[in-house]
Amino acid sequence: MERELWILASASPRRRELLRQIGIEAKVQPAAVSEDTETKNPEEMVLELSSRKAEAAAALAPAGSLVLGADTVVSVDGMVLGKPASHEQAREMIRRLQGRTHQVYTGVTMIRRGETGNSGVSFAEKTDVTLFPMTEEEIQAYADSPEPMDKAGAYGIQGSFAAYVSGIRGDYGNVVGLPIGRVYQEWKRLKEEEAEEDD
């Protein structure tokens, strides 16, 4: 993949690793933005927050770079679950999710910094995740571990929680934190549009 400065407006090591997987070594530049939002709709929420993060990072980015902001939430019964603030909260979240199907939404905003202006795209990806029933002991043991503490919905599908995943419908990378195939396709499209404009 050709060299281009990618700036990841997120401190998530999982997003950085997913980009690396397709040959992109991103510069990590987390955006300090408010994560308060009026909407309770998970898709609108992740789009708004990913856009906020990308725009904040793009304001400081050099021309010729591509800035990527992302936000992930878990939704069940119309309730949005972000990152747990405590192990107790992690237990409550996992208790709510176990034995059922829930949705993982990731919003992505990509901004290309041009010499005279910016171009970009925002999109949201949804994946359904079904979990096996869990015993109270399993819930307690997982919730008390360090793994759920920095993850939306209080679990990491790529960690030991994989033992409780019955199936997924949609993009696996999306559940980890970034729908990497879609990111690559959208980047390619932005490059093509830019090339057409230059002709």
N, C-alpha and C. Protein backbone atom coordinates (compact mmCIF):
# COMPACT_ATOMS: atom_id res chain seq x y z
N MET A 1 0.85 -1.19 0.00
CA MET A 1 0.00 0.00 0.00
C MET A 1 0.89 1.25 0.00
N GLU A 2 0.50 2.25 -0.77
CA GLU A 2 1.37 3.41 -0.90
C GLU A 2 1.47 4.18 0.42
N ARG A 3 2.57 4.89 0.55
CA ARG A 3 2.83 5.63 1.78
C ARG A 3 1.95 6.88 1.82
N GLU A 4 1.32 7.07 2.91
CA GLU A 4 0.50 8.27 3.12
C GLU A 4 0.40 8.43 4.63
N LEU A 5 0.42 9.65 5.10
CA LEU A 5 0.34 9.86 6.55
C LEU A 5 -1.11 9.65 7.01
N TRP A 6 -1.32 8.61 7.77
CA TRP A 6 -2.61 8.36 8.40
C TRP A 6 -2.53 8.81 9.84
N ILE A 7 -3.53 9.54 10.29
CA ILE A 7 -3.60 9.97 11.69
C ILE A 7 -4.84 9.34 12.31
N LEU A 8 -4.62 8.57 13.36
CA LEU A 8 -5.72 7.89 14.05
C LEU A 8 -6.10 8.72 15.27
N ALA A 9 -7.32 9.30 15.22
CA ALA A 9 -7.78 10.17 16.31
C ALA A 9 -8.39 9.32 17.43
N SER A 10 -7.61 8.33 17.89
CA SER A 10 -8.09 7.38 18.90
C SER A 10 -6.88 6.75 19.57
N ALA A 11 -7.00 6.50 20.87
CA ALA A 11 -5.91 5.85 21.60
C ALA A 11 -6.06 4.33 21.59
N SER A 12 -7.07 3.82 20.90
CA SER A 12 -7.37 2.38 20.93
C SER A 12 -6.26 1.55 20.28
N PRO A 13 -5.59 0.70 21.05
CA PRO A 13 -4.56 -0.16 20.44
C PRO A 13 -5.16 -1.16 19.46
N ARG A 14 -6.43 -1.49 19.64
CA ARG A 14 -7.08 -2.44 18.74
C ARG A 14 -7.30 -1.83 17.36
N ARG A 15 -7.69 -0.57 17.32
CA ARG A 15 -7.88 0.10 16.01
C ARG A 15 -6.53 0.23 15.29
N ARG A 16 -5.52 0.56 16.05
CA ARG A 16 -4.19 0.70 15.44
C ARG A 16 -3.73 -0.64 14.86
N GLU A 17 -4.00 -1.71 15.59
CA GLU A 17 -3.60 -3.05 15.14
C GLU A 17 -4.37 -3.47 13.90
N LEU A 18 -5.67 -3.12 13.82
CA LEU A 18 -6.47 -3.45 12.63
C LEU A 18 -5.94 -2.71 11.40
N LEU A 19 -5.53 -1.46 11.57
CA LEU A 19 -4.94 -0.71 10.45
C LEU A 19 -3.62 -1.36 10.02
N ARG A 20 -2.82 -1.76 11.01
CA ARG A 20 -1.53 -2.43 10.72
C ARG A 20 -1.76 -3.70 9.90
N GLN A 21 -2.85 -4.38 10.22
CA GLN A 21 -3.17 -5.64 9.56
C GLN A 21 -3.26 -5.47 8.05
N ILE A 22 -3.69 -4.28 7.59
CA ILE A 22 -3.78 -4.05 6.14
C ILE A 22 -2.65 -3.12 5.65
N GLY A 23 -1.59 -3.04 6.45
CA GLY A 23 -0.39 -2.34 5.99
C GLY A 23 -0.34 -0.85 6.26
N ILE A 24 -1.21 -0.36 7.14
CA ILE A 24 -1.22 1.07 7.45
C ILE A 24 -0.64 1.30 8.84
N GLU A 25 0.45 2.05 8.90
CA GLU A 25 1.06 2.41 10.18
C GLU A 25 0.60 3.82 10.51
N ALA A 26 -0.41 3.93 11.37
CA ALA A 26 -1.01 5.24 11.66
C ALA A 26 -0.29 5.95 12.80
N LYS A 27 -0.24 7.26 12.69
CA LYS A 27 0.25 8.09 13.80
C LYS A 27 -0.93 8.28 14.75
N VAL A 28 -0.73 7.96 16.01
CA VAL A 28 -1.83 8.05 16.98
C VAL A 28 -1.88 9.45 17.57
N GLN A 29 -3.04 10.08 17.40
CA GLN A 29 -3.24 11.44 17.90
C GLN A 29 -4.65 11.55 18.47
N PRO A 30 -4.86 11.01 19.70
CA PRO A 30 -6.22 11.03 20.26
C PRO A 30 -6.78 12.45 20.35
N ALA A 31 -8.05 12.57 20.02
CA ALA A 31 -8.71 13.88 20.07
C ALA A 31 -9.44 14.03 21.39
N ALA A 32 -9.14 15.09 22.10
CA ALA A 32 -9.82 15.34 23.38
C ALA A 32 -11.11 16.10 23.09
N VAL A 33 -12.22 15.37 22.98
CA VAL A 33 -13.51 16.00 22.68
C VAL A 33 -14.54 15.49 23.69
N SER A 34 -15.61 16.26 23.84
CA SER A 34 -16.70 15.83 24.71
C SER A 34 -17.42 14.65 24.06
N GLU A 35 -17.75 13.65 24.86
CA GLU A 35 -18.49 12.50 24.32
C GLU A 35 -19.96 12.58 24.71
N ASP A 36 -20.39 13.75 25.18
CA ASP A 36 -21.81 13.96 25.48
C ASP A 36 -22.55 14.16 24.16
N THR A 37 -23.72 13.56 24.07
CA THR A 37 -24.51 13.70 22.85
C THR A 37 -25.99 13.67 23.22
N GLU A 38 -26.79 14.38 22.45
CA GLU A 38 -28.23 14.46 22.73
C GLU A 38 -28.97 13.20 22.28
N THR A 39 -28.47 12.60 21.21
CA THR A 39 -29.20 11.48 20.62
C THR A 39 -29.05 10.19 21.43
N LYS A 40 -30.10 9.38 21.41
CA LYS A 40 -30.06 8.06 22.04
C LYS A 40 -29.99 6.96 20.97
N ASN A 41 -30.01 7.39 19.70
CA ASN A 41 -29.93 6.44 18.59
C ASN A 41 -28.47 6.04 18.40
N PRO A 42 -28.15 4.72 18.53
CA PRO A 42 -26.74 4.32 18.51
C PRO A 42 -26.01 4.68 17.22
N GLU A 43 -26.70 4.55 16.08
CA GLU A 43 -26.04 4.87 14.81
C GLU A 43 -25.73 6.36 14.71
N GLU A 44 -26.70 7.19 15.08
CA GLU A 44 -26.48 8.65 15.06
C GLU A 44 -25.38 9.03 16.05
N MET A 45 -25.36 8.36 17.20
CA MET A 45 -24.38 8.66 18.24
C MET A 45 -22.95 8.42 17.75
N VAL A 46 -22.71 7.23 17.16
CA VAL A 46 -21.33 6.92 16.73
C VAL A 46 -20.90 7.79 15.55
N LEU A 47 -21.85 8.16 14.70
CA LEU A 47 -21.51 9.05 13.59
C LEU A 47 -21.13 10.44 14.11
N GLU A 48 -21.90 10.92 15.06
CA GLU A 48 -21.62 12.25 15.63
C GLU A 48 -20.27 12.27 16.34
N LEU A 49 -20.01 11.25 17.14
CA LEU A 49 -18.77 11.23 17.92
C LEU A 49 -17.54 10.97 17.05
N SER A 50 -17.67 10.10 16.05
CA SER A 50 -16.52 9.85 15.16
C SER A 50 -16.18 11.12 14.39
N SER A 51 -17.21 11.83 13.98
CA SER A 51 -17.03 13.08 13.23
C SER A 51 -16.36 14.13 14.12
N ARG A 52 -16.80 14.22 15.35
CA ARG A 52 -16.23 15.19 16.30
C ARG A 52 -14.73 14.93 16.52
N LYS A 53 -14.39 13.65 16.68
CA LYS A 53 -12.99 13.27 16.92
C LYS A 53 -12.13 13.57 15.68
N ALA A 54 -12.64 13.17 14.50
CA ALA A 54 -11.86 13.36 13.28
C ALA A 54 -11.65 14.85 12.98
N GLU A 55 -12.69 15.64 13.18
CA GLU A 55 -12.58 17.08 12.89
C GLU A 55 -11.59 17.76 13.83
N ALA A 56 -11.60 17.36 15.11
CA ALA A 56 -10.67 17.95 16.08
C ALA A 56 -9.22 17.61 15.71
N ALA A 57 -8.98 16.36 15.30
CA ALA A 57 -7.62 15.95 14.92
C ALA A 57 -7.22 16.57 13.58
N ALA A 58 -8.18 16.70 12.65
CA ALA A 58 -7.89 17.25 11.33
C ALA A 58 -7.48 18.71 11.41
N ALA A 59 -8.01 19.42 12.40
CA ALA A 59 -7.67 20.84 12.56
C ALA A 59 -6.18 21.03 12.83
N LEU A 60 -5.53 19.98 13.35
CA LEU A 60 -4.10 20.06 13.68
C LEU A 60 -3.23 19.28 12.69
N ALA A 61 -3.87 18.62 11.72
CA ALA A 61 -3.13 17.72 10.83
C ALA A 61 -2.54 18.47 9.63
N PRO A 62 -1.39 18.00 9.15
CA PRO A 62 -0.79 18.63 7.97
C PRO A 62 -1.54 18.28 6.69
N ALA A 63 -1.41 19.14 5.68
CA ALA A 63 -2.02 18.86 4.37
C ALA A 63 -1.43 17.57 3.81
N GLY A 64 -2.28 16.81 3.13
CA GLY A 64 -1.83 15.56 2.54
C GLY A 64 -2.02 14.35 3.44
N SER A 65 -2.52 14.59 4.65
CA SER A 65 -2.73 13.46 5.56
C SER A 65 -4.19 13.01 5.54
N LEU A 66 -4.40 11.81 6.03
CA LEU A 66 -5.76 11.29 6.16
C LEU A 66 -6.02 11.05 7.64
N VAL A 67 -7.08 11.67 8.16
CA VAL A 67 -7.41 11.56 9.58
C VAL A 67 -8.60 10.63 9.73
N LEU A 68 -8.49 9.70 10.68
CA LEU A 68 -9.58 8.75 10.92
C LEU A 68 -10.04 8.85 12.37
N GLY A 69 -11.33 9.13 12.53
CA GLY A 69 -11.95 9.13 13.87
C GLY A 69 -12.97 8.01 13.92
N ALA A 70 -13.07 7.35 15.07
CA ALA A 70 -14.02 6.24 15.19
C ALA A 70 -14.62 6.21 16.58
N ASP A 71 -15.82 5.66 16.67
CA ASP A 71 -16.48 5.49 17.96
C ASP A 71 -17.33 4.22 17.90
N THR A 72 -17.28 3.44 18.97
CA THR A 72 -18.01 2.16 19.01
C THR A 72 -18.92 2.11 20.23
N VAL A 73 -20.15 1.66 20.04
CA VAL A 73 -21.05 1.40 21.17
C VAL A 73 -21.74 0.07 20.95
N VAL A 74 -22.25 -0.47 22.05
CA VAL A 74 -23.05 -1.69 22.03
C VAL A 74 -24.48 -1.30 22.35
N SER A 75 -25.45 -1.92 21.69
CA SER A 75 -26.85 -1.60 21.92
C SER A 75 -27.64 -2.88 22.18
N VAL A 76 -28.47 -2.85 23.24
CA VAL A 76 -29.34 -3.98 23.55
C VAL A 76 -30.63 -3.44 24.14
N ASP A 77 -31.77 -3.92 23.67
CA ASP A 77 -33.08 -3.44 24.16
C ASP A 77 -33.22 -1.93 24.04
N GLY A 78 -32.62 -1.34 23.03
CA GLY A 78 -32.71 0.10 22.86
C GLY A 78 -31.83 0.89 23.81
N MET A 79 -31.03 0.19 24.61
CA MET A 79 -30.13 0.85 25.55
C MET A 79 -28.71 0.83 25.00
N VAL A 80 -28.04 1.97 25.04
CA VAL A 80 -26.67 2.06 24.54
C VAL A 80 -25.70 1.83 25.68
N LEU A 81 -24.75 0.91 25.45
CA LEU A 81 -23.73 0.61 26.46
C LEU A 81 -22.38 1.10 25.95
N GLY A 82 -21.78 1.99 26.70
CA GLY A 82 -20.43 2.45 26.36
C GLY A 82 -19.42 1.64 27.17
N LYS A 83 -18.34 2.29 27.60
CA LYS A 83 -17.33 1.61 28.41
C LYS A 83 -17.75 1.63 29.87
N PRO A 84 -17.55 0.53 30.59
CA PRO A 84 -17.95 0.52 32.01
C PRO A 84 -17.03 1.41 32.85
N ALA A 85 -17.62 2.06 33.85
CA ALA A 85 -16.85 2.93 34.74
C ALA A 85 -16.28 2.15 35.92
N SER A 86 -16.78 0.93 36.14
CA SER A 86 -16.34 0.12 37.28
C SER A 86 -16.56 -1.35 36.94
N HIS A 87 -15.96 -2.23 37.74
CA HIS A 87 -16.16 -3.67 37.53
C HIS A 87 -17.61 -4.05 37.81
N GLU A 88 -18.24 -3.35 38.73
CA GLU A 88 -19.66 -3.60 39.04
C GLU A 88 -20.52 -3.28 37.81
N GLN A 89 -20.21 -2.16 37.18
CA GLN A 89 -20.95 -1.78 35.97
C GLN A 89 -20.69 -2.79 34.84
N ALA A 90 -19.46 -3.30 34.77
CA ALA A 90 -19.13 -4.33 33.77
C ALA A 90 -19.98 -5.58 34.01
N ARG A 91 -20.14 -5.95 35.26
CA ARG A 91 -20.98 -7.13 35.59
C ARG A 91 -22.41 -6.92 35.12
N GLU A 92 -22.95 -5.73 35.37
CA GLU A 92 -24.33 -5.42 34.97
C GLU A 92 -24.49 -5.51 33.45
N MET A 93 -23.50 -4.96 32.73
CA MET A 93 -23.57 -4.98 31.26
C MET A 93 -23.53 -6.41 30.73
N ILE A 94 -22.60 -7.21 31.24
CA ILE A 94 -22.46 -8.59 30.74
C ILE A 94 -23.70 -9.41 31.09
N ARG A 95 -24.24 -9.17 32.26
CA ARG A 95 -25.47 -9.86 32.68
C ARG A 95 -26.61 -9.56 31.69
N ARG A 96 -26.66 -8.33 31.23
CA ARG A 96 -27.70 -7.91 30.28
C ARG A 96 -27.49 -8.55 28.89
N LEU A 97 -26.23 -8.77 28.52
CA LEU A 97 -25.92 -9.26 27.18
C LEU A 97 -25.93 -10.78 27.06
N GLN A 98 -25.60 -11.49 28.14
CA GLN A 98 -25.40 -12.94 28.06
C GLN A 98 -26.66 -13.67 27.60
N GLY A 99 -26.44 -14.70 26.76
CA GLY A 99 -27.55 -15.53 26.28
C GLY A 99 -28.42 -14.88 25.24
N ARG A 100 -28.01 -13.72 24.71
CA ARG A 100 -28.88 -12.97 23.79
C ARG A 100 -28.09 -12.42 22.61
N THR A 101 -28.81 -11.77 21.70
CA THR A 101 -28.19 -11.09 20.56
C THR A 101 -28.23 -9.58 20.81
N HIS A 102 -27.09 -8.94 20.56
CA HIS A 102 -27.05 -7.47 20.67
C HIS A 102 -26.37 -6.91 19.42
N GLN A 103 -26.34 -5.60 19.32
CA GLN A 103 -25.75 -4.95 18.15
C GLN A 103 -24.52 -4.14 18.57
N VAL A 104 -23.52 -4.19 17.71
CA VAL A 104 -22.33 -3.35 17.88
C VAL A 104 -22.30 -2.36 16.72
N TYR A 105 -22.25 -1.06 17.05
CA TYR A 105 -22.19 0.00 16.03
C TYR A 105 -20.84 0.69 16.12
N THR A 106 -20.19 0.86 14.98
CA THR A 106 -18.99 1.69 14.93
C THR A 106 -19.21 2.77 13.88
N GLY A 107 -19.00 4.00 14.28
CA GLY A 107 -19.04 5.13 13.36
C GLY A 107 -17.61 5.47 12.97
N VAL A 108 -17.40 5.76 11.70
CA VAL A 108 -16.07 6.11 11.19
C VAL A 108 -16.18 7.39 10.38
N THR A 109 -15.28 8.32 10.64
CA THR A 109 -15.17 9.52 9.82
C THR A 109 -13.73 9.62 9.32
N MET A 110 -13.58 9.75 8.01
CA MET A 110 -12.26 9.88 7.38
C MET A 110 -12.19 11.24 6.70
N ILE A 111 -11.16 12.01 7.02
CA ILE A 111 -11.00 13.35 6.44
C ILE A 111 -9.63 13.43 5.77
N ARG A 112 -9.64 13.75 4.48
CA ARG A 112 -8.39 14.00 3.74
C ARG A 112 -8.09 15.49 3.81
N ARG A 113 -6.93 15.82 4.35
CA ARG A 113 -6.53 17.23 4.45
C ARG A 113 -5.88 17.67 3.14
N GLY A 114 -6.54 18.57 2.44
CA GLY A 114 -5.98 19.08 1.19
C GLY A 114 -5.28 20.41 1.41
N GLU A 115 -4.62 20.90 0.37
CA GLU A 115 -3.94 22.21 0.46
C GLU A 115 -4.97 23.33 0.60
N THR A 116 -6.10 23.17 -0.09
CA THR A 116 -7.08 24.26 -0.10
C THR A 116 -8.36 23.91 0.65
N GLY A 117 -8.60 22.64 0.89
CA GLY A 117 -9.83 22.25 1.59
C GLY A 117 -9.78 20.77 1.92
N ASN A 118 -10.80 20.32 2.62
CA ASN A 118 -10.84 18.92 3.02
C ASN A 118 -11.93 18.17 2.26
N SER A 119 -11.72 16.86 2.09
CA SER A 119 -12.78 15.99 1.58
C SER A 119 -12.88 14.83 2.57
N GLY A 120 -13.99 14.13 2.54
CA GLY A 120 -14.09 13.04 3.51
C GLY A 120 -15.39 12.26 3.39
N VAL A 121 -15.52 11.34 4.31
CA VAL A 121 -16.70 10.47 4.33
C VAL A 121 -16.96 10.02 5.76
N SER A 122 -18.24 9.84 6.09
CA SER A 122 -18.64 9.26 7.38
C SER A 122 -19.58 8.10 7.11
N PHE A 123 -19.44 7.05 7.88
CA PHE A 123 -20.36 5.92 7.76
C PHE A 123 -20.43 5.18 9.09
N ALA A 124 -21.49 4.39 9.23
CA ALA A 124 -21.64 3.55 10.43
C ALA A 124 -21.84 2.11 9.99
N GLU A 125 -21.26 1.21 10.73
CA GLU A 125 -21.37 -0.23 10.45
C GLU A 125 -22.04 -0.89 11.65
N LYS A 126 -22.92 -1.87 11.38
CA LYS A 126 -23.61 -2.58 12.46
C LYS A 126 -23.34 -4.07 12.34
N THR A 127 -23.03 -4.70 13.47
CA THR A 127 -22.82 -6.15 13.51
C THR A 127 -23.66 -6.73 14.64
N ASP A 128 -24.35 -7.83 14.35
CA ASP A 128 -25.11 -8.55 15.40
C ASP A 128 -24.20 -9.59 16.04
N VAL A 129 -24.19 -9.60 17.38
CA VAL A 129 -23.38 -10.58 18.12
C VAL A 129 -24.30 -11.36 19.06
N THR A 130 -24.23 -12.68 18.97
CA THR A 130 -25.03 -13.55 19.85
C THR A 130 -24.11 -14.22 20.86
N LEU A 131 -24.50 -14.18 22.12
CA LEU A 131 -23.70 -14.78 23.19
C LEU A 131 -24.39 -16.02 23.75
N PHE A 132 -23.57 -16.98 24.17
CA PHE A 132 -24.08 -18.14 24.90
C PHE A 132 -24.54 -17.68 26.28
N PRO A 133 -25.44 -18.43 26.91
CA PRO A 133 -25.76 -18.13 28.31
C PRO A 133 -24.49 -18.28 29.17
N MET A 134 -24.37 -17.42 30.19
CA MET A 134 -23.21 -17.46 31.08
C MET A 134 -23.68 -17.68 32.52
N THR A 135 -22.89 -18.40 33.29
CA THR A 135 -23.22 -18.58 34.71
C THR A 135 -22.82 -17.31 35.47
N GLU A 136 -23.36 -17.17 36.66
CA GLU A 136 -23.01 -16.00 37.49
C GLU A 136 -21.50 -15.99 37.78
N GLU A 137 -20.92 -17.18 37.95
CA GLU A 137 -19.47 -17.27 38.22
C GLU A 137 -18.66 -16.80 37.01
N GLU A 138 -19.12 -17.16 35.82
CA GLU A 138 -18.41 -16.73 34.60
C GLU A 138 -18.52 -15.21 34.43
N ILE A 139 -19.70 -14.69 34.67
CA ILE A 139 -19.91 -13.23 34.56
C ILE A 139 -18.98 -12.51 35.54
N GLN A 140 -18.97 -12.97 36.79
CA GLN A 140 -18.17 -12.35 37.85
C GLN A 140 -16.68 -12.40 37.51
N ALA A 141 -16.22 -13.57 37.10
CA ALA A 141 -14.78 -13.75 36.82
C ALA A 141 -14.33 -12.84 35.68
N TYR A 142 -15.14 -12.77 34.62
CA TYR A 142 -14.75 -11.92 33.48
C TYR A 142 -14.83 -10.44 33.85
N ALA A 143 -15.91 -10.05 34.51
CA ALA A 143 -16.11 -8.63 34.86
C ALA A 143 -15.03 -8.14 35.81
N ASP A 144 -14.50 -9.02 36.66
CA ASP A 144 -13.48 -8.62 37.62
C ASP A 144 -12.07 -8.60 37.03
N SER A 145 -11.93 -9.07 35.78
CA SER A 145 -10.62 -9.05 35.12
C SER A 145 -10.39 -7.66 34.53
N PRO A 146 -9.16 -7.34 34.12
CA PRO A 146 -8.91 -6.02 33.52
C PRO A 146 -9.52 -5.87 32.12
N GLU A 147 -9.83 -6.99 31.45
CA GLU A 147 -10.20 -6.97 30.03
C GLU A 147 -11.40 -6.08 29.68
N PRO A 148 -12.50 -6.07 30.47
CA PRO A 148 -13.67 -5.31 30.01
C PRO A 148 -13.58 -3.80 30.21
N MET A 149 -12.57 -3.32 30.93
CA MET A 149 -12.63 -1.94 31.43
C MET A 149 -12.50 -0.83 30.38
N ASP A 150 -11.89 -1.10 29.24
CA ASP A 150 -11.78 -0.01 28.25
C ASP A 150 -12.54 -0.34 26.97
N LYS A 151 -13.59 -1.17 27.13
CA LYS A 151 -14.29 -1.64 25.94
C LYS A 151 -15.79 -1.38 26.02
N ALA A 152 -16.35 -0.93 24.89
CA ALA A 152 -17.79 -0.72 24.81
C ALA A 152 -18.51 -2.04 25.08
N GLY A 153 -19.54 -2.00 25.93
CA GLY A 153 -20.29 -3.20 26.25
C GLY A 153 -19.59 -4.11 27.24
N ALA A 154 -18.41 -3.71 27.70
CA ALA A 154 -17.64 -4.42 28.74
C ALA A 154 -17.09 -5.77 28.29
N TYR A 155 -16.81 -5.92 26.98
CA TYR A 155 -16.15 -7.15 26.56
C TYR A 155 -15.30 -6.91 25.33
N GLY A 156 -14.29 -7.78 25.16
CA GLY A 156 -13.46 -7.76 23.97
C GLY A 156 -13.61 -9.09 23.26
N ILE A 157 -14.14 -9.08 22.04
CA ILE A 157 -14.40 -10.32 21.31
C ILE A 157 -13.10 -11.03 20.96
N GLN A 158 -11.99 -10.26 20.88
CA GLN A 158 -10.71 -10.83 20.50
C GLN A 158 -9.93 -11.37 21.70
N GLY A 159 -10.50 -11.26 22.91
CA GLY A 159 -9.83 -11.75 24.11
C GLY A 159 -10.48 -13.03 24.62
N SER A 160 -10.40 -13.24 25.94
CA SER A 160 -10.92 -14.48 26.53
C SER A 160 -12.45 -14.57 26.44
N PHE A 161 -13.11 -13.44 26.18
CA PHE A 161 -14.58 -13.43 26.06
C PHE A 161 -15.05 -14.22 24.84
N ALA A 162 -14.12 -14.53 23.93
CA ALA A 162 -14.46 -15.33 22.74
C ALA A 162 -15.13 -16.66 23.14
N ALA A 163 -14.86 -17.13 24.36
CA ALA A 163 -15.46 -18.38 24.85
C ALA A 163 -16.98 -18.30 24.94
N TYR A 164 -17.53 -17.09 24.99
CA TYR A 164 -18.97 -16.92 25.18
C TYR A 164 -19.69 -16.44 23.92
N VAL A 165 -18.97 -16.33 22.81
CA VAL A 165 -19.57 -15.82 21.57
C VAL A 165 -20.12 -16.99 20.75
N SER A 166 -21.44 -17.01 20.59
CA SER A 166 -22.11 -18.07 19.85
C SER A 166 -22.01 -17.82 18.34
N GLY A 167 -22.09 -16.55 17.94
CA GLY A 167 -22.00 -16.24 16.51
C GLY A 167 -22.07 -14.75 16.26
N ILE A 168 -21.63 -14.35 15.08
CA ILE A 168 -21.77 -12.94 14.69
C ILE A 168 -22.33 -12.88 13.28
N ARG A 169 -23.09 -11.82 13.01
CA ARG A 169 -23.59 -11.58 11.66
C ARG A 169 -23.14 -10.18 11.27
N GLY A 170 -22.18 -10.14 10.34
CA GLY A 170 -21.63 -8.84 9.95
C GLY A 170 -20.12 -8.86 10.05
N ASP A 171 -19.55 -7.68 10.19
CA ASP A 171 -18.11 -7.48 10.16
C ASP A 171 -17.48 -7.75 11.53
N TYR A 172 -16.55 -8.73 11.58
CA TYR A 172 -15.87 -9.06 12.84
C TYR A 172 -15.02 -7.88 13.33
N GLY A 173 -14.27 -7.25 12.41
CA GLY A 173 -13.42 -6.11 12.78
C GLY A 173 -14.23 -4.99 13.42
N ASN A 174 -15.47 -4.85 12.98
CA ASN A 174 -16.36 -3.84 13.54
C ASN A 174 -16.56 -4.04 15.04
N VAL A 175 -16.63 -5.30 15.46
CA VAL A 175 -16.84 -5.61 16.88
C VAL A 175 -15.55 -5.34 17.67
N VAL A 176 -14.42 -5.53 17.02
CA VAL A 176 -13.13 -5.23 17.66
C VAL A 176 -12.96 -3.71 17.80
N GLY A 177 -13.53 -2.95 16.85
CA GLY A 177 -13.46 -1.49 16.96
C GLY A 177 -13.31 -0.73 15.67
N LEU A 178 -13.16 -1.46 14.54
CA LEU A 178 -13.02 -0.76 13.26
C LEU A 178 -13.37 -1.71 12.11
N PRO A 179 -14.38 -1.35 11.28
CA PRO A 179 -14.71 -2.20 10.12
C PRO A 179 -13.66 -1.99 9.03
N ILE A 180 -12.55 -2.70 9.17
CA ILE A 180 -11.34 -2.38 8.41
C ILE A 180 -11.50 -2.54 6.90
N GLY A 181 -12.27 -3.53 6.46
CA GLY A 181 -12.50 -3.71 5.02
C GLY A 181 -13.21 -2.49 4.43
N ARG A 182 -14.23 -2.04 5.12
CA ARG A 182 -14.99 -0.86 4.66
C ARG A 182 -14.10 0.39 4.69
N VAL A 183 -13.26 0.51 5.71
CA VAL A 183 -12.33 1.65 5.79
C VAL A 183 -11.45 1.69 4.55
N TYR A 184 -10.91 0.52 4.17
CA TYR A 184 -10.02 0.46 3.01
C TYR A 184 -10.76 0.83 1.72
N GLN A 185 -11.98 0.31 1.57
CA GLN A 185 -12.77 0.59 0.37
C GLN A 185 -13.12 2.07 0.26
N GLU A 186 -13.46 2.68 1.39
CA GLU A 186 -13.82 4.11 1.38
C GLU A 186 -12.58 4.96 1.08
N TRP A 187 -11.42 4.54 1.62
CA TRP A 187 -10.17 5.26 1.35
C TRP A 187 -9.85 5.22 -0.14
N LYS A 188 -10.04 4.01 -0.74
CA LYS A 188 -9.76 3.83 -2.16
C LYS A 188 -10.68 4.76 -2.99
N ARG A 189 -11.93 4.83 -2.57
CA ARG A 189 -12.90 5.67 -3.30
C ARG A 189 -12.51 7.15 -3.21
N LEU A 190 -12.08 7.58 -2.02
CA LEU A 190 -11.64 8.97 -1.85
C LEU A 190 -10.45 9.28 -2.76
N LYS A 191 -9.52 8.32 -2.86
CA LYS A 191 -8.35 8.51 -3.71
C LYS A 191 -8.77 8.62 -5.18
N GLU A 192 -9.72 7.77 -5.59
CA GLU A 192 -10.18 7.79 -6.98
C GLU A 192 -10.87 9.12 -7.30
N GLU A 193 -11.69 9.60 -6.36
CA GLU A 193 -12.39 10.88 -6.57
C GLU A 193 -11.39 12.02 -6.70
N GLU A 194 -10.36 11.95 -5.87
CA GLU A 194 -9.34 12.99 -5.89
C GLU A 194 -8.59 12.97 -7.22
N ALA A 195 -8.28 11.75 -7.71
CA ALA A 195 -7.57 11.61 -8.98
C ALA A 195 -8.41 12.16 -10.14
N GLU A 196 -9.73 11.92 -10.09
CA GLU A 196 -10.63 12.42 -11.14
C GLU A 196 -10.66 13.95 -11.13
N GLU A 197 -10.65 14.53 -9.94
CA GLU A 197 -10.67 15.99 -9.82
C GLU A 197 -9.40 16.60 -10.36
N ASP A 198 -8.27 15.87 -10.21
CA ASP A 198 -6.98 16.38 -10.68
C ASP A 198 -6.83 16.29 -12.20
N ASP A 199 -7.62 15.40 -12.83
CA ASP A 199 -7.50 15.21 -14.30
C ASP A 199 -8.02 16.43 -15.05
